[in-house]
Amino acid sequence: MEWAKAGKDMVVLHCLPRGRITPHLSPFVMKLETYLRLAKIPYKLDFTEPFGPKGKSPWITFNGEEIGDSQLVMEHLGRQYKKDFSSKLTEEQKAVARAFYILMDEHLCWSDMNYVSYIVSD
């Protein structure tokens, strides 16, 4: 497999190709790629195999390990690279951040997908 040659500690982000009017049609790919950029974690994009072992996108290959689910990927890489963006937050701030995460990831992202599919179909 081509991504096996990526090298040690290089994240290979497997996803669908970029959209015409947006970096990615999937909010989960945008979330994960934004995290990789903010955390300054080196990565390469792979569009040849967008669906991982569980049939979902995005997923990563990292040091020979295959990891799916954008949130699980971020947690795994956060531990690996010691990147905890919430370490300076109070418990109250962490609770508010968690509420916003759930709102965005579980509810609002689907309205975004409906908007994108509407634009693309025009």
PDB file of N, CA and C in Angstrom:
ATOM      1  N   MET A   1       0.845  -1.184   0.000  1.00  0.00           N
ATOM      2  CA  MET A   1       0.000   0.000   0.000  1.00  0.00           C
ATOM      3  C   MET A   1       0.885   1.241   0.000  1.00  0.00           C
ATOM      4  N   GLU A   2       0.485   2.199  -0.802  1.00  0.00           N
ATOM      5  CA  GLU A   2       1.288   3.403  -0.995  1.00  0.00           C
ATOM      6  C   GLU A   2       1.533   4.165   0.311  1.00  0.00           C
ATOM      7  N   TRP A   3       0.508   4.275   1.143  1.00  0.00           N
ATOM      8  CA  TRP A   3       0.653   5.076   2.368  1.00  0.00           C
ATOM      9  C   TRP A   3       1.559   4.404   3.387  1.00  0.00           C
ATOM     10  N   ALA A   4       1.855   3.120   3.222  1.00  0.00           N
ATOM     11  CA  ALA A   4       2.802   2.456   4.127  1.00  0.00           C
ATOM     12  C   ALA A   4       4.191   3.052   3.977  1.00  0.00           C
ATOM     13  N   LYS A   5       4.442   3.727   2.856  1.00  0.00           N
ATOM     14  CA  LYS A   5       5.737   4.355   2.596  1.00  0.00           C
ATOM     15  C   LYS A   5       5.800   5.792   3.119  1.00  0.00           C
ATOM     16  N   ALA A   6       4.792   6.234   3.801  1.00  0.00           N
ATOM     17  CA  ALA A   6       4.714   7.628   4.241  1.00  0.00           C
ATOM     18  C   ALA A   6       5.808   7.994   5.236  1.00  0.00           C
ATOM     19  N   GLY A   7       6.287   7.042   5.999  1.00  0.00           N
ATOM     20  CA  GLY A   7       7.329   7.316   6.977  1.00  0.00           C
ATOM     21  C   GLY A   7       6.794   7.332   8.389  1.00  0.00           C
ATOM     22  N   LYS A   8       7.730   7.227   9.334  1.00  0.00           N
ATOM     23  CA  LYS A   8       7.375   7.202  10.753  1.00  0.00           C
ATOM     24  C   LYS A   8       6.785   8.542  11.174  1.00  0.00           C
ATOM     25  N   ASP A   9       5.743   8.472  11.996  1.00  0.00           N
ATOM     26  CA  ASP A   9       5.062   9.639  12.558  1.00  0.00           C
ATOM     27  C   ASP A   9       4.429  10.558  11.512  1.00  0.00           C
ATOM     28  N   MET A  10       4.197  10.044  10.304  1.00  0.00           N
ATOM     29  CA  MET A  10       3.481  10.813   9.283  1.00  0.00           C
ATOM     30  C   MET A  10       2.044  10.292   9.236  1.00  0.00           C
ATOM     31  N   VAL A  11       1.104  11.175   9.458  1.00  0.00           N
ATOM     32  CA  VAL A  11      -0.309  10.826   9.402  1.00  0.00           C
ATOM     33  C   VAL A  11      -0.743  10.852   7.943  1.00  0.00           C
ATOM     34  N   VAL A  12      -1.398   9.792   7.519  1.00  0.00           N
ATOM     35  CA  VAL A  12      -2.011   9.780   6.190  1.00  0.00           C
ATOM     36  C   VAL A  12      -3.518   9.878   6.412  1.00  0.00           C
ATOM     37  N   LEU A  13      -4.084  10.988   5.974  1.00  0.00           N
ATOM     38  CA  LEU A  13      -5.509  11.249   6.131  1.00  0.00           C
ATOM     39  C   LEU A  13      -6.225  10.772   4.875  1.00  0.00           C
ATOM     40  N   HIS A  14      -7.017   9.726   5.023  1.00  0.00           N
ATOM     41  CA  HIS A  14      -7.766   9.152   3.906  1.00  0.00           C
ATOM     42  C   HIS A  14      -9.156   9.781   3.878  1.00  0.00           C
ATOM     43  N   CYS A  15      -9.516  10.352   2.731  1.00  0.00           N
ATOM     44  CA  CYS A  15     -10.815  11.019   2.625  1.00  0.00           C
ATOM     45  C   CYS A  15     -11.206  11.150   1.160  1.00  0.00           C
ATOM     46  N   LEU A  16     -12.440  11.561   0.957  1.00  0.00           N
ATOM     47  CA  LEU A  16     -12.908  11.842  -0.397  1.00  0.00           C
ATOM     48  C   LEU A  16     -12.200  13.086  -0.924  1.00  0.00           C
ATOM     49  N   PRO A  17     -12.090  13.237  -2.246  1.00  0.00           N
ATOM     50  CA  PRO A  17     -11.440  14.437  -2.812  1.00  0.00           C
ATOM     51  C   PRO A  17     -12.152  15.720  -2.380  1.00  0.00           C
ATOM     52  N   ARG A  18     -11.421  16.801  -2.455  1.00  0.00           N
ATOM     53  CA  ARG A  18     -11.965  18.105  -2.078  1.00  0.00           C
ATOM     54  C   ARG A  18     -13.119  18.493  -2.997  1.00  0.00           C
ATOM     55  N   GLY A  19     -14.029  19.313  -2.479  1.00  0.00           N
ATOM     56  CA  GLY A  19     -15.165  19.768  -3.259  1.00  0.00           C
ATOM     57  C   GLY A  19     -14.811  20.968  -4.120  1.00  0.00           C
ATOM     58  N   ARG A  20     -15.730  21.336  -4.996  1.00  0.00           N
ATOM     59  CA  ARG A  20     -15.518  22.505  -5.854  1.00  0.00           C
ATOM     60  C   ARG A  20     -15.577  23.812  -5.068  1.00  0.00           C
ATOM     61  N   ILE A  21     -16.485  23.887  -4.098  1.00  0.00           N
ATOM     62  CA  ILE A  21     -16.711  25.160  -3.412  1.00  0.00           C
ATOM     63  C   ILE A  21     -16.376  25.101  -1.926  1.00  0.00           C
ATOM     64  N   THR A  22     -15.849  24.001  -1.478  1.00  0.00           N
ATOM     65  CA  THR A  22     -15.507  23.839  -0.069  1.00  0.00           C
ATOM     66  C   THR A  22     -14.293  22.928   0.035  1.00  0.00           C
ATOM     67  N   PRO A  23     -13.480  23.103   1.076  1.00  0.00           N
ATOM     68  CA  PRO A  23     -12.309  22.231   1.209  1.00  0.00           C
ATOM     69  C   PRO A  23     -12.669  20.748   1.206  1.00  0.00           C
ATOM     70  N   HIS A  24     -13.778  20.418   1.844  1.00  0.00           N
ATOM     71  CA  HIS A  24     -14.272  19.041   1.863  1.00  0.00           C
ATOM     72  C   HIS A  24     -15.783  19.088   2.012  1.00  0.00           C
ATOM     73  N   LEU A  25     -16.454  18.139   1.428  1.00  0.00           N
ATOM     74  CA  LEU A  25     -17.905  18.071   1.598  1.00  0.00           C
ATOM     75  C   LEU A  25     -18.269  17.530   2.972  1.00  0.00           C
ATOM     76  N   SER A  26     -17.371  16.773   3.577  1.00  0.00           N
ATOM     77  CA  SER A  26     -17.631  16.188   4.892  1.00  0.00           C
ATOM     78  C   SER A  26     -17.162  17.116   6.007  1.00  0.00           C
ATOM     79  N   PRO A  27     -18.048  17.462   6.941  1.00  0.00           N
ATOM     80  CA  PRO A  27     -17.607  18.288   8.067  1.00  0.00           C
ATOM     81  C   PRO A  27     -16.609  17.547   8.957  1.00  0.00           C
ATOM     82  N   PHE A  28     -16.634  16.221   8.941  1.00  0.00           N
ATOM     83  CA  PHE A  28     -15.722  15.450   9.773  1.00  0.00           C
ATOM     84  C   PHE A  28     -14.298  15.490   9.217  1.00  0.00           C
ATOM     85  N   VAL A  29     -14.176  15.526   7.902  1.00  0.00           N
ATOM     86  CA  VAL A  29     -12.854  15.688   7.292  1.00  0.00           C
ATOM     87  C   VAL A  29     -12.326  17.089   7.589  1.00  0.00           C
ATOM     88  N   MET A  30     -13.189  18.102   7.451  1.00  0.00           N
ATOM     89  CA  MET A  30     -12.764  19.478   7.751  1.00  0.00           C
ATOM     90  C   MET A  30     -12.319  19.599   9.204  1.00  0.00           C
ATOM     91  N   LYS A  31     -13.066  18.974  10.101  1.00  0.00           N
ATOM     92  CA  LYS A  31     -12.715  19.020  11.520  1.00  0.00           C
ATOM     93  C   LYS A  31     -11.349  18.392  11.758  1.00  0.00           C
ATOM     94  N   LEU A  32     -11.126  17.227  11.193  1.00  0.00           N
ATOM     95  CA  LEU A  32      -9.877  16.509  11.418  1.00  0.00           C
ATOM     96  C   LEU A  32      -8.697  17.220  10.764  1.00  0.00           C
ATOM     97  N   GLU A  33      -8.873  17.702   9.545  1.00  0.00           N
ATOM     98  CA  GLU A  33      -7.763  18.402   8.893  1.00  0.00           C
ATOM     99  C   GLU A  33      -7.445  19.716   9.608  1.00  0.00           C
ATOM    100  N   THR A  34      -8.464  20.404  10.095  1.00  0.00           N
ATOM    101  CA  THR A  34      -8.227  21.630  10.866  1.00  0.00           C
ATOM    102  C   THR A  34      -7.449  21.316  12.139  1.00  0.00           C
ATOM    103  N   TYR A  35      -7.807  20.235  12.810  1.00  0.00           N
ATOM    104  CA  TYR A  35      -7.078  19.819  14.005  1.00  0.00           C
ATOM    105  C   TYR A  35      -5.608  19.542  13.676  1.00  0.00           C
ATOM    106  N   LEU A  36      -5.363  18.810  12.605  1.00  0.00           N
ATOM    107  CA  LEU A  36      -3.987  18.487  12.221  1.00  0.00           C
ATOM    108  C   LEU A  36      -3.173  19.754  11.968  1.00  0.00           C
ATOM    109  N   ARG A  37      -3.800  20.733  11.328  1.00  0.00           N
ATOM    110  CA  ARG A  37      -3.107  22.005  11.063  1.00  0.00           C
ATOM    111  C   ARG A  37      -2.843  22.768  12.359  1.00  0.00           C
ATOM    112  N   LEU A  38      -3.856  22.874  13.217  1.00  0.00           N
ATOM    113  CA  LEU A  38      -3.686  23.602  14.479  1.00  0.00           C
ATOM    114  C   LEU A  38      -2.632  22.953  15.374  1.00  0.00           C
ATOM    115  N   ALA A  39      -2.631  21.633  15.404  1.00  0.00           N
ATOM    116  CA  ALA A  39      -1.687  20.903  16.250  1.00  0.00           C
ATOM    117  C   ALA A  39      -0.306  20.789  15.610  1.00  0.00           C
ATOM    118  N   LYS A  40      -0.196  21.250  14.363  1.00  0.00           N
ATOM    119  CA  LYS A  40       1.076  21.183  13.621  1.00  0.00           C
ATOM    120  C   LYS A  40       1.595  19.750  13.531  1.00  0.00           C
ATOM    121  N   ILE A  41       0.674  18.840  13.242  1.00  0.00           N
ATOM    122  CA  ILE A  41       1.006  17.429  13.063  1.00  0.00           C
ATOM    123  C   ILE A  41       1.181  17.188  11.576  1.00  0.00           C
ATOM    124  N   PRO A  42       2.328  16.651  11.163  1.00  0.00           N
ATOM    125  CA  PRO A  42       2.553  16.433   9.728  1.00  0.00           C
ATOM    126  C   PRO A  42       1.598  15.376   9.176  1.00  0.00           C
ATOM    127  N   TYR A  43       1.034  15.678   8.005  1.00  0.00           N
ATOM    128  CA  TYR A  43       0.081  14.741   7.405  1.00  0.00           C
ATOM    129  C   TYR A  43       0.124  14.847   5.889  1.00  0.00           C
ATOM    130  N   LYS A  44      -0.347  13.788   5.259  1.00  0.00           N
ATOM    131  CA  LYS A  44      -0.525  13.746   3.815  1.00  0.00           C
ATOM    132  C   LYS A  44      -1.966  13.327   3.551  1.00  0.00           C
ATOM    133  N   LEU A  45      -2.509  13.828   2.466  1.00  0.00           N
ATOM    134  CA  LEU A  45      -3.860  13.444   2.069  1.00  0.00           C
ATOM    135  C   LEU A  45      -3.808  12.272   1.098  1.00  0.00           C
ATOM    136  N   ASP A  46      -4.742  11.359   1.241  1.00  0.00           N
ATOM    137  CA  ASP A  46      -4.882  10.241   0.314  1.00  0.00           C
ATOM    138  C   ASP A  46      -6.340  10.178  -0.116  1.00  0.00           C
ATOM    139  N   PHE A  47      -6.561  10.323  -1.425  1.00  0.00           N
ATOM    140  CA  PHE A  47      -7.911  10.263  -1.970  1.00  0.00           C
ATOM    141  C   PHE A  47      -8.205   8.914  -2.628  1.00  0.00           C
ATOM    142  N   THR A  48      -7.218   8.008  -2.672  1.00  0.00           N
ATOM    143  CA  THR A  48      -7.401   6.742  -3.389  1.00  0.00           C
ATOM    144  C   THR A  48      -8.249   5.738  -2.609  1.00  0.00           C
ATOM    145  N   GLU A  49      -8.201   5.798  -1.286  1.00  0.00           N
ATOM    146  CA  GLU A  49      -9.002   4.885  -0.456  1.00  0.00           C
ATOM    147  C   GLU A  49      -9.709   5.696   0.627  1.00  0.00           C
ATOM    148  N   PRO A  50     -10.798   6.377   0.254  1.00  0.00           N
ATOM    149  CA  PRO A  50     -11.450   7.270   1.213  1.00  0.00           C
ATOM    150  C   PRO A  50     -12.186   6.571   2.347  1.00  0.00           C
ATOM    151  N   PHE A  51     -12.555   5.310   2.140  1.00  0.00           N
ATOM    152  CA  PHE A  51     -13.327   4.608   3.161  1.00  0.00           C
ATOM    153  C   PHE A  51     -12.458   3.589   3.866  1.00  0.00           C
ATOM    154  N   GLY A  52     -12.445   3.678   5.203  1.00  0.00           N
ATOM    155  CA  GLY A  52     -11.595   2.831   6.020  1.00  0.00           C
ATOM    156  C   GLY A  52     -12.153   1.452   6.263  1.00  0.00           C
ATOM    157  N   PRO A  53     -11.520   0.754   7.183  1.00  0.00           N
ATOM    158  CA  PRO A  53     -11.921  -0.626   7.486  1.00  0.00           C
ATOM    159  C   PRO A  53     -13.383  -0.754   7.932  1.00  0.00           C
ATOM    160  N   LYS A  54     -13.931   0.294   8.523  1.00  0.00           N
ATOM    161  CA  LYS A  54     -15.326   0.259   8.971  1.00  0.00           C
ATOM    162  C   LYS A  54     -16.269   0.862   7.938  1.00  0.00           C
ATOM    163  N   GLY A  55     -15.731   1.177   6.749  1.00  0.00           N
ATOM    164  CA  GLY A  55     -16.548   1.736   5.681  1.00  0.00           C
ATOM    165  C   GLY A  55     -16.890   3.200   5.860  1.00  0.00           C
ATOM    166  N   LYS A  56     -16.130   3.911   6.702  1.00  0.00           N
ATOM    167  CA  LYS A  56     -16.411   5.320   6.976  1.00  0.00           C
ATOM    168  C   LYS A  56     -15.240   6.187   6.545  1.00  0.00           C
ATOM    169  N   SER A  57     -15.537   7.473   6.361  1.00  0.00           N
ATOM    170  CA  SER A  57     -14.532   8.451   5.989  1.00  0.00           C
ATOM    171  C   SER A  57     -14.722   9.667   6.882  1.00  0.00           C
ATOM    172  N   PRO A  58     -13.677  10.266   7.405  1.00  0.00           N
ATOM    173  CA  PRO A  58     -12.272  10.001   7.163  1.00  0.00           C
ATOM    174  C   PRO A  58     -11.719   8.936   8.100  1.00  0.00           C
ATOM    175  N   TRP A  59     -10.516   8.520   7.788  1.00  0.00           N
ATOM    176  CA  TRP A  59      -9.755   7.615   8.647  1.00  0.00           C
ATOM    177  C   TRP A  59      -8.285   7.908   8.405  1.00  0.00           C
ATOM    178  N   ILE A  60      -7.430   7.425   9.281  1.00  0.00           N
ATOM    179  CA  ILE A  60      -6.001   7.683   9.105  1.00  0.00           C
ATOM    180  C   ILE A  60      -5.201   6.386   9.179  1.00  0.00           C
ATOM    181  N   THR A  61      -4.022   6.455   8.612  1.00  0.00           N
ATOM    182  CA  THR A  61      -2.988   5.456   8.826  1.00  0.00           C
ATOM    183  C   THR A  61      -1.872   6.192   9.553  1.00  0.00           C
ATOM    184  N   PHE A  62      -1.416   5.620  10.658  1.00  0.00           N
ATOM    185  CA  PHE A  62      -0.370   6.267  11.455  1.00  0.00           C
ATOM    186  C   PHE A  62       0.547   5.185  12.007  1.00  0.00           C
ATOM    187  N   ASN A  63       1.782   5.175  11.542  1.00  0.00           N
ATOM    188  CA  ASN A  63       2.772   4.181  11.971  1.00  0.00           C
ATOM    189  C   ASN A  63       2.237   2.756  11.852  1.00  0.00           C
ATOM    190  N   GLY A  64       1.599   2.478  10.723  1.00  0.00           N
ATOM    191  CA  GLY A  64       1.095   1.143  10.455  1.00  0.00           C
ATOM    192  C   GLY A  64      -0.246   0.823  11.086  1.00  0.00           C
ATOM    193  N   GLU A  65      -0.783   1.732  11.866  1.00  0.00           N
ATOM    194  CA  GLU A  65      -2.073   1.516  12.530  1.00  0.00           C
ATOM    195  C   GLU A  65      -3.173   2.248  11.766  1.00  0.00           C
ATOM    196  N   GLU A  66      -4.324   1.616  11.629  1.00  0.00           N
ATOM    197  CA  GLU A  66      -5.469   2.223  10.976  1.00  0.00           C
ATOM    198  C   GLU A  66      -6.475   2.651  12.034  1.00  0.00           C
ATOM    199  N   ILE A  67      -6.851   3.933  11.998  1.00  0.00           N
ATOM    200  CA  ILE A  67      -7.759   4.472  13.006  1.00  0.00           C
ATOM    201  C   ILE A  67      -8.879   5.221  12.298  1.00  0.00           C
ATOM    202  N   GLY A  68     -10.116   4.904  12.653  1.00  0.00           N
ATOM    203  CA  GLY A  68     -11.270   5.578  12.083  1.00  0.00           C
ATOM    204  C   GLY A  68     -11.942   6.476  13.097  1.00  0.00           C
ATOM    205  N   ASP A  69     -12.932   7.248  12.653  1.00  0.00           N
ATOM    206  CA  ASP A  69     -13.705   8.182  13.471  1.00  0.00           C
ATOM    207  C   ASP A  69     -12.859   9.408  13.810  1.00  0.00           C
ATOM    208  N   SER A  70     -13.240  10.545  13.276  1.00  0.00           N
ATOM    209  CA  SER A  70     -12.445  11.765  13.427  1.00  0.00           C
ATOM    210  C   SER A  70     -12.154  12.110  14.887  1.00  0.00           C
ATOM    211  N   GLN A  71     -13.126  11.946  15.766  1.00  0.00           N
ATOM    212  CA  GLN A  71     -12.899  12.277  17.172  1.00  0.00           C
ATOM    213  C   GLN A  71     -11.898  11.325  17.816  1.00  0.00           C
ATOM    214  N   LEU A  72     -12.014  10.035  17.530  1.00  0.00           N
ATOM    215  CA  LEU A  72     -11.050   9.061  18.069  1.00  0.00           C
ATOM    216  C   LEU A  72      -9.652   9.317  17.536  1.00  0.00           C
ATOM    217  N   VAL A  73      -9.559   9.714  16.284  1.00  0.00           N
ATOM    218  CA  VAL A  73      -8.262  10.049  15.690  1.00  0.00           C
ATOM    219  C   VAL A  73      -7.646  11.226  16.436  1.00  0.00           C
ATOM    220  N   MET A  74      -8.444  12.271  16.666  1.00  0.00           N
ATOM    221  CA  MET A  74      -7.925  13.452  17.360  1.00  0.00           C
ATOM    222  C   MET A  74      -7.482  13.112  18.773  1.00  0.00           C
ATOM    223  N   GLU A  75      -8.230  12.288  19.467  1.00  0.00           N
ATOM    224  CA  GLU A  75      -7.845  11.893  20.825  1.00  0.00           C
ATOM    225  C   GLU A  75      -6.556  11.074  20.810  1.00  0.00           C
ATOM    226  N   HIS A  76      -6.438  10.149  19.870  1.00  0.00           N
ATOM    227  CA  HIS A  76      -5.236   9.319  19.759  1.00  0.00           C
ATOM    228  C   HIS A  76      -4.010  10.174  19.456  1.00  0.00           C
ATOM    229  N   LEU A  77      -4.127  11.055  18.465  1.00  0.00           N
ATOM    230  CA  LEU A  77      -2.990  11.905  18.097  1.00  0.00           C
ATOM    231  C   LEU A  77      -2.674  12.922  19.187  1.00  0.00           C
ATOM    232  N   GLY A  78      -3.696  13.390  19.890  1.00  0.00           N
ATOM    233  CA  GLY A  78      -3.465  14.314  21.001  1.00  0.00           C
ATOM    234  C   GLY A  78      -2.602  13.684  22.080  1.00  0.00           C
ATOM    235  N   ARG A  79      -2.866  12.417  22.380  1.00  0.00           N
ATOM    236  CA  ARG A  79      -2.031  11.705  23.358  1.00  0.00           C
ATOM    237  C   ARG A  79      -0.624  11.474  22.801  1.00  0.00           C
ATOM    238  N   GLN A  80      -0.555  11.069  21.543  1.00  0.00           N
ATOM    239  CA  GLN A  80       0.730  10.762  20.912  1.00  0.00           C
ATOM    240  C   GLN A  80       1.643  11.987  20.864  1.00  0.00           C
ATOM    241  N   TYR A  81       1.080  13.127  20.476  1.00  0.00           N
ATOM    242  CA  TYR A  81       1.872  14.356  20.295  1.00  0.00           C
ATOM    243  C   TYR A  81       1.768  15.310  21.487  1.00  0.00           C
ATOM    244  N   LYS A  82       1.082  14.874  22.539  1.00  0.00           N
ATOM    245  CA  LYS A  82       0.908  15.700  23.734  1.00  0.00           C
ATOM    246  C   LYS A  82       0.304  17.070  23.386  1.00  0.00           C
ATOM    247  N   LYS A  83      -0.811  17.019  22.672  1.00  0.00           N
ATOM    248  CA  LYS A  83      -1.526  18.232  22.263  1.00  0.00           C
ATOM    249  C   LYS A  83      -2.879  18.254  22.962  1.00  0.00           C
ATOM    250  N   ASP A  84      -2.961  18.987  24.061  1.00  0.00           N
ATOM    251  CA  ASP A  84      -4.221  19.115  24.791  1.00  0.00           C
ATOM    252  C   ASP A  84      -4.609  20.586  24.781  1.00  0.00           C
ATOM    253  N   PHE A  85      -5.478  20.953  23.850  1.00  0.00           N
ATOM    254  CA  PHE A  85      -5.859  22.352  23.694  1.00  0.00           C
ATOM    255  C   PHE A  85      -6.771  22.848  24.806  1.00  0.00           C
ATOM    256  N   SER A  86      -7.278  21.947  25.622  1.00  0.00           N
ATOM    257  CA  SER A  86      -8.172  22.373  26.698  1.00  0.00           C
ATOM    258  C   SER A  86      -7.507  22.315  28.071  1.00  0.00           C
ATOM    259  N   SER A  87      -6.215  22.113  28.118  1.00  0.00           N
ATOM    260  CA  SER A  87      -5.537  21.944  29.410  1.00  0.00           C
ATOM    261  C   SER A  87      -5.598  23.194  30.295  1.00  0.00           C
ATOM    262  N   LYS A  88      -5.720  24.369  29.699  1.00  0.00           N
ATOM    263  CA  LYS A  88      -5.749  25.611  30.482  1.00  0.00           C
ATOM    264  C   LYS A  88      -7.164  26.078  30.803  1.00  0.00           C
ATOM    265  N   LEU A  89      -8.153  25.311  30.384  1.00  0.00           N
ATOM    266  CA  LEU A  89      -9.539  25.690  30.651  1.00  0.00           C
ATOM    267  C   LEU A  89      -9.970  25.263  32.049  1.00  0.00           C
ATOM    268  N   THR A  90     -10.880  26.037  32.619  1.00  0.00           N
ATOM    269  CA  THR A  90     -11.474  25.651  33.895  1.00  0.00           C
ATOM    270  C   THR A  90     -12.456  24.514  33.643  1.00  0.00           C
ATOM    271  N   GLU A  91     -12.929  23.887  34.690  1.00  0.00           N
ATOM    272  CA  GLU A  91     -13.917  22.815  34.540  1.00  0.00           C
ATOM    273  C   GLU A  91     -15.196  23.346  33.885  1.00  0.00           C
ATOM    274  N   GLU A  92     -15.599  24.544  34.249  1.00  0.00           N
ATOM    275  CA  GLU A  92     -16.792  25.148  33.645  1.00  0.00           C
ATOM    276  C   GLU A  92     -16.571  25.380  32.147  1.00  0.00           C
ATOM    277  N   GLN A  93     -15.409  25.909  31.788  1.00  0.00           N
ATOM    278  CA  GLN A  93     -15.102  26.140  30.373  1.00  0.00           C
ATOM    279  C   GLN A  93     -15.043  24.826  29.591  1.00  0.00           C
ATOM    280  N   LYS A  94     -14.523  23.778  30.208  1.00  0.00           N
ATOM    281  CA  LYS A  94     -14.487  22.467  29.553  1.00  0.00           C
ATOM    282  C   LYS A  94     -15.905  21.939  29.315  1.00  0.00           C
ATOM    283  N   ALA A  95     -16.796  22.179  30.267  1.00  0.00           N
ATOM    284  CA  ALA A  95     -18.186  21.746  30.113  1.00  0.00           C
ATOM    285  C   ALA A  95     -18.860  22.498  28.967  1.00  0.00           C
ATOM    286  N   VAL A  96     -18.626  23.807  28.881  1.00  0.00           N
ATOM    287  CA  VAL A  96     -19.193  24.602  27.792  1.00  0.00           C
ATOM    288  C   VAL A  96     -18.612  24.131  26.454  1.00  0.00           C
ATOM    289  N   ALA A  97     -17.315  23.880  26.410  1.00  0.00           N
ATOM    290  CA  ALA A  97     -16.675  23.397  25.183  1.00  0.00           C
ATOM    291  C   ALA A  97     -17.263  22.056  24.762  1.00  0.00           C
ATOM    292  N   ARG A  98     -17.510  21.182  25.706  1.00  0.00           N
ATOM    293  CA  ARG A  98     -18.105  19.874  25.405  1.00  0.00           C
ATOM    294  C   ARG A  98     -19.519  20.038  24.844  1.00  0.00           C
ATOM    295  N   ALA A  99     -20.274  20.962  25.413  1.00  0.00           N
ATOM    296  CA  ALA A  99     -21.632  21.214  24.922  1.00  0.00           C
ATOM    297  C   ALA A  99     -21.592  21.727  23.478  1.00  0.00           C
ATOM    298  N   PHE A 100     -20.672  22.648  23.189  1.00  0.00           N
ATOM    299  CA  PHE A 100     -20.544  23.142  21.822  1.00  0.00           C
ATOM    300  C   PHE A 100     -20.072  22.047  20.872  1.00  0.00           C
ATOM    301  N   TYR A 101     -19.178  21.194  21.328  1.00  0.00           N
ATOM    302  CA  TYR A 101     -18.716  20.079  20.505  1.00  0.00           C
ATOM    303  C   TYR A 101     -19.898  19.187  20.114  1.00  0.00           C
ATOM    304  N   ILE A 102     -20.719  18.838  21.080  1.00  0.00           N
ATOM    305  CA  ILE A 102     -21.870  17.974  20.804  1.00  0.00           C
ATOM    306  C   ILE A 102     -22.852  18.673  19.867  1.00  0.00           C
ATOM    307  N   LEU A 103     -23.095  19.962  20.108  1.00  0.00           N
ATOM    308  CA  LEU A 103     -23.986  20.725  19.242  1.00  0.00           C
ATOM    309  C   LEU A 103     -23.483  20.710  17.800  1.00  0.00           C
ATOM    310  N   MET A 104     -22.206  20.988  17.604  1.00  0.00           N
ATOM    311  CA  MET A 104     -21.640  21.047  16.254  1.00  0.00           C
ATOM    312  C   MET A 104     -21.556  19.668  15.608  1.00  0.00           C
ATOM    313  N   ASP A 105     -21.027  18.700  16.337  1.00  0.00           N
ATOM    314  CA  ASP A 105     -20.737  17.384  15.769  1.00  0.00           C
ATOM    315  C   ASP A 105     -21.982  16.529  15.572  1.00  0.00           C
ATOM    316  N   GLU A 106     -22.940  16.666  16.443  1.00  0.00           N
ATOM    317  CA  GLU A 106     -24.100  15.789  16.389  1.00  0.00           C
ATOM    318  C   GLU A 106     -25.354  16.425  15.791  1.00  0.00           C
ATOM    319  N   HIS A 107     -25.387  17.753  15.709  1.00  0.00           N
ATOM    320  CA  HIS A 107     -26.614  18.405  15.265  1.00  0.00           C
ATOM    321  C   HIS A 107     -26.404  19.359  14.086  1.00  0.00           C
ATOM    322  N   LEU A 108     -25.557  20.374  14.253  1.00  0.00           N
ATOM    323  CA  LEU A 108     -25.431  21.392  13.217  1.00  0.00           C
ATOM    324  C   LEU A 108     -24.719  20.908  11.967  1.00  0.00           C
ATOM    325  N   CYS A 109     -23.822  19.927  12.096  1.00  0.00           N
ATOM    326  CA  CYS A 109     -23.082  19.472  10.914  1.00  0.00           C
ATOM    327  C   CYS A 109     -24.035  18.927   9.863  1.00  0.00           C
ATOM    328  N   TRP A 110     -25.151  18.353  10.273  1.00  0.00           N
ATOM    329  CA  TRP A 110     -26.086  17.780   9.307  1.00  0.00           C
ATOM    330  C   TRP A 110     -26.827  18.868   8.543  1.00  0.00           C
ATOM    331  N   SER A 111     -27.066  20.004   9.165  1.00  0.00           N
ATOM    332  CA  SER A 111     -27.684  21.100   8.426  1.00  0.00           C
ATOM    333  C   SER A 111     -26.697  21.647   7.407  1.00  0.00           C
ATOM    334  N   ASP A 112     -25.426  21.649   7.735  1.00  0.00           N
ATOM    335  CA  ASP A 112     -24.382  22.066   6.804  1.00  0.00           C
ATOM    336  C   ASP A 112     -24.355  21.131   5.604  1.00  0.00           C
ATOM    337  N   MET A 113     -24.463  19.836   5.836  1.00  0.00           N
ATOM    338  CA  MET A 113     -24.457  18.863   4.747  1.00  0.00           C
ATOM    339  C   MET A 113     -25.658  19.070   3.835  1.00  0.00           C
ATOM    340  N   ASN A 114     -26.810  19.374   4.412  1.00  0.00           N
ATOM    341  CA  ASN A 114     -27.998  19.631   3.594  1.00  0.00           C
ATOM    342  C   ASN A 114     -27.805  20.875   2.729  1.00  0.00           C
ATOM    343  N   TYR A 115     -27.156  21.897   3.285  1.00  0.00           N
ATOM    344  CA  TYR A 115     -26.894  23.131   2.537  1.00  0.00           C
ATOM    345  C   TYR A 115     -25.934  22.844   1.396  1.00  0.00           C
ATOM    346  N   VAL A 116     -24.865  22.101   1.664  1.00  0.00           N
ATOM    347  CA  VAL A 116     -23.883  21.783   0.622  1.00  0.00           C
ATOM    348  C   VAL A 116     -24.541  20.972  -0.488  1.00  0.00           C
ATOM    349  N   SER A 117     -25.343  19.977  -0.135  1.00  0.00           N
ATOM    350  CA  SER A 117     -25.992  19.164  -1.179  1.00  0.00           C
ATOM    351  C   SER A 117     -26.969  20.016  -1.995  1.00  0.00           C
ATOM    352  N   TYR A 118     -27.582  21.013  -1.374  1.00  0.00           N
ATOM    353  CA  TYR A 118     -28.487  21.915  -2.097  1.00  0.00           C
ATOM    354  C   TYR A 118     -27.705  22.727  -3.121  1.00  0.00           C
ATOM    355  N   ILE A 119     -26.555  23.280  -2.718  1.00  0.00           N
ATOM    356  CA  ILE A 119     -25.732  24.099  -3.607  1.00  0.00           C
ATOM    357  C   ILE A 119     -25.182  23.252  -4.749  1.00  0.00           C
ATOM    358  N   VAL A 120     -24.687  22.081  -4.435  1.00  0.00           N
ATOM    359  CA  VAL A 120     -24.084  21.219  -5.446  1.00  0.00           C
ATOM    360  C   VAL A 120     -25.115  20.784  -6.483  1.00  0.00           C
ATOM    361  N   SER A 121     -26.364  20.588  -6.058  1.00  0.00           N
ATOM    362  CA  SER A 121     -27.392  20.133  -6.987  1.00  0.00           C
ATOM    363  C   SER A 121     -27.894  21.238  -7.908  1.00  0.00           C
ATOM    364  N   ASP A 122     -27.631  22.497  -7.566  1.00  0.00           N
ATOM    365  CA  ASP A 122     -28.070  23.624  -8.426  1.00  0.00           C
ATOM    366  C   ASP A 122     -27.272  23.707  -9.698  1.00  0.00           C
TER     367      ASP A 122
END
